[in-house]
Amino acid sequence: MPGPTGLFPHLVVNDAKAAIDFYKKAFGATEITRHAAPHSEKLMHVAMELQGTKLYFADDFPEFNGGRSRTPQALGGTPVTLHLQVLDAQFIWDSAVKAGATVAMPLADQFWGDKYGKLIDPFGHEWSIGQTVRQPSPAEIEQGAEAAFK
């Protein structure tokens, strides 16, 4: 029997049990499953549902990666942003900050028509939150981009 198909982010975190709690509180995620690594307190796989899609993550296992840690903290940050397009950005934003996220770019109305901001979760992953609040014309977007990139 085939399993689900699609694109699912699969993160590495430094404390998967704490990440489960954070993603529940911050984004309203629900836990689907967790699998513990044998003879360890670490989790080798967690699946959660988040805003209608799946989010996978696991604890860091440097012993299976040539001794190298793969968390954003160990790598000095992340080049990847996980984006949530939602109906109520302020609610999600406030929940995430209250749960322990750090503001990287304040939530504000943007020239492209979204209320948008960026957060860093306690595990070093960057999240952007967006809510469409207006539909600017292509000319308005171009003018806004010109002003923003001066």
C-alpha atoms as a PDB file:
ATOM      1  CA  MET A   1       0.000   0.000   0.000  1.00  0.00           C
ATOM      2  CA  PRO A   2       1.585   3.306  -1.029  1.00  0.00           C
ATOM      3  CA  GLY A   3       2.160   5.996   1.579  1.00  0.00           C
ATOM      4  CA  PRO A   4       1.614   9.736   1.295  1.00  0.00           C
ATOM      5  CA  THR A   5       3.230  11.666  -1.519  1.00  0.00           C
ATOM      6  CA  GLY A   6       4.307  15.300  -1.674  1.00  0.00           C
ATOM      7  CA  LEU A   7       7.078  17.498  -0.416  1.00  0.00           C
ATOM      8  CA  PHE A   8       7.556  17.313   3.352  1.00  0.00           C
ATOM      9  CA  PRO A   9      10.207  19.323   5.202  1.00  0.00           C
ATOM     10  CA  HIS A  10      12.399  17.044   7.316  1.00  0.00           C
ATOM     11  CA  LEU A  11      14.291  18.983   9.987  1.00  0.00           C
ATOM     12  CA  VAL A  12      17.112  18.102  12.330  1.00  0.00           C
ATOM     13  CA  VAL A  13      16.722  19.501  15.839  1.00  0.00           C
ATOM     14  CA  ASN A  14      18.710  19.320  19.051  1.00  0.00           C
ATOM     15  CA  ASP A  15      15.730  18.219  21.176  1.00  0.00           C
ATOM     16  CA  ALA A  16      12.892  16.548  19.265  1.00  0.00           C
ATOM     17  CA  LYS A  17      10.682  16.132  22.341  1.00  0.00           C
ATOM     18  CA  ALA A  18      10.882  19.871  23.024  1.00  0.00           C
ATOM     19  CA  ALA A  19      10.282  20.559  19.318  1.00  0.00           C
ATOM     20  CA  ILE A  20       7.027  18.591  19.460  1.00  0.00           C
ATOM     21  CA  ASP A  21       5.811  20.828  22.291  1.00  0.00           C
ATOM     22  CA  PHE A  22       7.003  24.016  20.584  1.00  0.00           C
ATOM     23  CA  TYR A  23       5.360  23.272  17.211  1.00  0.00           C
ATOM     24  CA  LYS A  24       2.098  22.401  18.984  1.00  0.00           C
ATOM     25  CA  LYS A  25       2.089  25.645  20.970  1.00  0.00           C
ATOM     26  CA  ALA A  26       3.515  27.904  18.266  1.00  0.00           C
ATOM     27  CA  PHE A  27       1.713  26.709  15.158  1.00  0.00           C
ATOM     28  CA  GLY A  28      -1.122  24.475  16.367  1.00  0.00           C
ATOM     29  CA  ALA A  29       0.568  21.374  14.936  1.00  0.00           C
ATOM     30  CA  THR A  30      -0.718  17.943  15.871  1.00  0.00           C
ATOM     31  CA  GLU A  31       1.501  14.960  16.486  1.00  0.00           C
ATOM     32  CA  ILE A  32       0.970  12.023  14.150  1.00  0.00           C
ATOM     33  CA  THR A  33       3.734   9.697  15.290  1.00  0.00           C
ATOM     34  CA  ARG A  34       7.082   9.507  17.036  1.00  0.00           C
ATOM     35  CA  HIS A  35       9.678   6.766  16.990  1.00  0.00           C
ATOM     36  CA  ALA A  36      12.405   6.551  19.599  1.00  0.00           C
ATOM     37  CA  ALA A  37      15.884   5.445  18.665  1.00  0.00           C
ATOM     38  CA  PRO A  38      16.747   2.095  20.265  1.00  0.00           C
ATOM     39  CA  HIS A  39      18.641   2.389  23.561  1.00  0.00           C
ATOM     40  CA  SER A  40      18.383   6.201  23.503  1.00  0.00           C
ATOM     41  CA  GLU A  41      16.282   9.104  24.722  1.00  0.00           C
ATOM     42  CA  LYS A  42      16.506  10.588  21.224  1.00  0.00           C
ATOM     43  CA  LEU A  43      13.739  10.443  18.641  1.00  0.00           C
ATOM     44  CA  MET A  44      14.707   9.098  15.231  1.00  0.00           C
ATOM     45  CA  HIS A  45      11.475  10.239  13.561  1.00  0.00           C
ATOM     46  CA  VAL A  46       8.590  12.564  14.353  1.00  0.00           C
ATOM     47  CA  ALA A  47       5.675  13.316  12.041  1.00  0.00           C
ATOM     48  CA  MET A  48       3.323  16.208  12.710  1.00  0.00           C
ATOM     49  CA  GLU A  49       0.501  17.817  10.771  1.00  0.00           C
ATOM     50  CA  LEU A  50       0.903  21.543  10.367  1.00  0.00           C
ATOM     51  CA  GLN A  51      -1.454  23.796   8.418  1.00  0.00           C
ATOM     52  CA  GLY A  52      -2.673  20.912   6.248  1.00  0.00           C
ATOM     53  CA  THR A  53       0.717  19.398   5.446  1.00  0.00           C
ATOM     54  CA  LYS A  54       3.277  17.163   7.108  1.00  0.00           C
ATOM     55  CA  LEU A  55       6.366  18.249   9.009  1.00  0.00           C
ATOM     56  CA  TYR A  56       8.981  15.623   9.804  1.00  0.00           C
ATOM     57  CA  PHE A  57      11.951  15.999  12.125  1.00  0.00           C
ATOM     58  CA  ALA A  58      14.390  14.027  14.217  1.00  0.00           C
ATOM     59  CA  ASP A  59      17.023  14.530  16.837  1.00  0.00           C
ATOM     60  CA  ASP A  60      20.564  15.148  15.652  1.00  0.00           C
ATOM     61  CA  PHE A  61      22.623  11.977  15.235  1.00  0.00           C
ATOM     62  CA  PRO A  62      26.176  13.144  14.416  1.00  0.00           C
ATOM     63  CA  GLU A  63      27.412   9.580  14.901  1.00  0.00           C
ATOM     64  CA  PHE A  64      25.616   8.677  11.653  1.00  0.00           C
ATOM     65  CA  ASN A  65      26.865  11.764   9.803  1.00  0.00           C
ATOM     66  CA  GLY A  66      30.631  11.433  10.010  1.00  0.00           C
ATOM     67  CA  GLY A  67      30.672  12.962  13.490  1.00  0.00           C
ATOM     68  CA  ARG A  68      29.138  16.229  12.259  1.00  0.00           C
ATOM     69  CA  SER A  69      26.082  17.829  13.787  1.00  0.00           C
ATOM     70  CA  ARG A  70      23.392  18.970  11.340  1.00  0.00           C
ATOM     71  CA  THR A  71      21.393  21.377  13.493  1.00  0.00           C
ATOM     72  CA  PRO A  72      21.157  25.025  12.437  1.00  0.00           C
ATOM     73  CA  GLN A  73      23.032  26.000  15.624  1.00  0.00           C
ATOM     74  CA  ALA A  74      25.954  23.717  14.724  1.00  0.00           C
ATOM     75  CA  LEU A  75      25.985  25.009  11.144  1.00  0.00           C
ATOM     76  CA  GLY A  76      25.850  28.672  12.166  1.00  0.00           C
ATOM     77  CA  GLY A  77      22.299  29.236  10.902  1.00  0.00           C
ATOM     78  CA  THR A  78      20.086  27.967   8.124  1.00  0.00           C
ATOM     79  CA  PRO A  79      19.746  28.985   4.460  1.00  0.00           C
ATOM     80  CA  VAL A  80      16.173  27.630   4.396  1.00  0.00           C
ATOM     81  CA  THR A  81      13.000  29.471   5.371  1.00  0.00           C
ATOM     82  CA  LEU A  82       9.854  27.482   6.127  1.00  0.00           C
ATOM     83  CA  HIS A  83       6.870  29.597   5.080  1.00  0.00           C
ATOM     84  CA  LEU A  84       3.383  29.420   6.572  1.00  0.00           C
ATOM     85  CA  GLN A  85       0.649  31.222   4.627  1.00  0.00           C
ATOM     86  CA  VAL A  86      -2.226  31.556   7.083  1.00  0.00           C
ATOM     87  CA  LEU A  87      -5.592  33.248   7.571  1.00  0.00           C
ATOM     88  CA  ASP A  88      -4.591  35.018  10.813  1.00  0.00           C
ATOM     89  CA  ALA A  89      -0.900  35.909  10.845  1.00  0.00           C
ATOM     90  CA  GLN A  90      -1.105  37.886  14.082  1.00  0.00           C
ATOM     91  CA  PHE A  91      -2.545  34.935  16.002  1.00  0.00           C
ATOM     92  CA  ILE A  92       0.118  32.498  14.711  1.00  0.00           C
ATOM     93  CA  TRP A  93       2.840  35.104  15.265  1.00  0.00           C
ATOM     94  CA  ASP A  94       1.797  35.784  18.846  1.00  0.00           C
ATOM     95  CA  SER A  95       1.527  32.047  19.585  1.00  0.00           C
ATOM     96  CA  ALA A  96       5.019  31.380  18.203  1.00  0.00           C
ATOM     97  CA  VAL A  97       6.633  34.264  20.090  1.00  0.00           C
ATOM     98  CA  LYS A  98       4.891  33.231  23.318  1.00  0.00           C
ATOM     99  CA  ALA A  99       6.135  29.645  22.765  1.00  0.00           C
ATOM    100  CA  GLY A 100       9.754  30.849  22.465  1.00  0.00           C
ATOM    101  CA  ALA A 101      10.404  31.972  18.872  1.00  0.00           C
ATOM    102  CA  THR A 102      12.728  34.938  18.295  1.00  0.00           C
ATOM    103  CA  VAL A 103      11.723  37.756  15.948  1.00  0.00           C
ATOM    104  CA  ALA A 104      14.043  38.019  12.934  1.00  0.00           C
ATOM    105  CA  MET A 105      11.850  40.429  10.902  1.00  0.00           C
ATOM    106  CA  PRO A 106       8.847  42.068  12.565  1.00  0.00           C
ATOM    107  CA  LEU A 107       5.380  41.177  11.328  1.00  0.00           C
ATOM    108  CA  ALA A 108       4.167  44.089   9.186  1.00  0.00           C
ATOM    109  CA  ASP A 109       2.193  44.910   6.059  1.00  0.00           C
ATOM    110  CA  GLN A 110       4.419  44.479   2.999  1.00  0.00           C
ATOM    111  CA  PHE A 111       4.357  45.999  -0.479  1.00  0.00           C
ATOM    112  CA  TRP A 112       3.366  42.702  -2.115  1.00  0.00           C
ATOM    113  CA  GLY A 113       0.093  42.588  -0.168  1.00  0.00           C
ATOM    114  CA  ASP A 114       0.889  40.308   2.746  1.00  0.00           C
ATOM    115  CA  LYS A 115       1.222  40.881   6.445  1.00  0.00           C
ATOM    116  CA  TYR A 116       4.588  39.127   6.753  1.00  0.00           C
ATOM    117  CA  GLY A 117       7.418  38.530   9.204  1.00  0.00           C
ATOM    118  CA  LYS A 118      10.167  36.061  10.070  1.00  0.00           C
ATOM    119  CA  LEU A 119      10.871  34.116  13.252  1.00  0.00           C
ATOM    120  CA  ILE A 120      13.632  31.785  14.425  1.00  0.00           C
ATOM    121  CA  ASP A 121      12.378  28.797  16.376  1.00  0.00           C
ATOM    122  CA  PRO A 122      14.246  27.580  19.485  1.00  0.00           C
ATOM    123  CA  PHE A 123      15.997  24.961  17.308  1.00  0.00           C
ATOM    124  CA  GLY A 124      17.463  27.495  14.861  1.00  0.00           C
ATOM    125  CA  HIS A 125      14.993  27.021  11.997  1.00  0.00           C
ATOM    126  CA  GLU A 126      13.675  30.141  10.265  1.00  0.00           C
ATOM    127  CA  TRP A 127       9.931  30.492   9.689  1.00  0.00           C
ATOM    128  CA  SER A 128       8.109  33.178   7.753  1.00  0.00           C
ATOM    129  CA  ILE A 129       4.466  33.888   8.453  1.00  0.00           C
ATOM    130  CA  GLY A 130       2.270  35.466   5.788  1.00  0.00           C
ATOM    131  CA  GLN A 131      -1.341  36.524   5.444  1.00  0.00           C
ATOM    132  CA  THR A 132      -2.717  38.086   2.284  1.00  0.00           C
ATOM    133  CA  VAL A 133      -4.347  41.366   3.283  1.00  0.00           C
ATOM    134  CA  ARG A 134      -4.634  43.065  -0.133  1.00  0.00           C
ATOM    135  CA  GLN A 135      -4.076  42.395  -3.830  1.00  0.00           C
ATOM    136  CA  PRO A 136      -1.770  45.109  -5.208  1.00  0.00           C
ATOM    137  CA  SER A 137      -1.430  45.545  -8.954  1.00  0.00           C
ATOM    138  CA  PRO A 138       1.805  44.490 -10.673  1.00  0.00           C
ATOM    139  CA  ALA A 139       2.707  48.190 -10.980  1.00  0.00           C
ATOM    140  CA  GLU A 140       2.174  48.720  -7.240  1.00  0.00           C
ATOM    141  CA  ILE A 141       4.383  45.713  -6.468  1.00  0.00           C
ATOM    142  CA  GLU A 142       7.094  47.042  -8.781  1.00  0.00           C
ATOM    143  CA  GLN A 143       6.949  50.486  -7.132  1.00  0.00           C
ATOM    144  CA  GLY A 144       7.046  48.914  -3.678  1.00  0.00           C
ATOM    145  CA  ALA A 145      10.034  46.760  -4.626  1.00  0.00           C
ATOM    146  CA  GLU A 146      11.882  49.817  -5.966  1.00  0.00           C
ATOM    147  CA  ALA A 147      11.335  51.609  -2.670  1.00  0.00           C
ATOM    148  CA  ALA A 148      12.284  48.577  -0.572  1.00  0.00           C
ATOM    149  CA  PHE A 149      15.508  47.879  -2.473  1.00  0.00           C
ATOM    150  CA  LYS A 150      16.868  51.475  -2.502  1.00  0.00           C
END
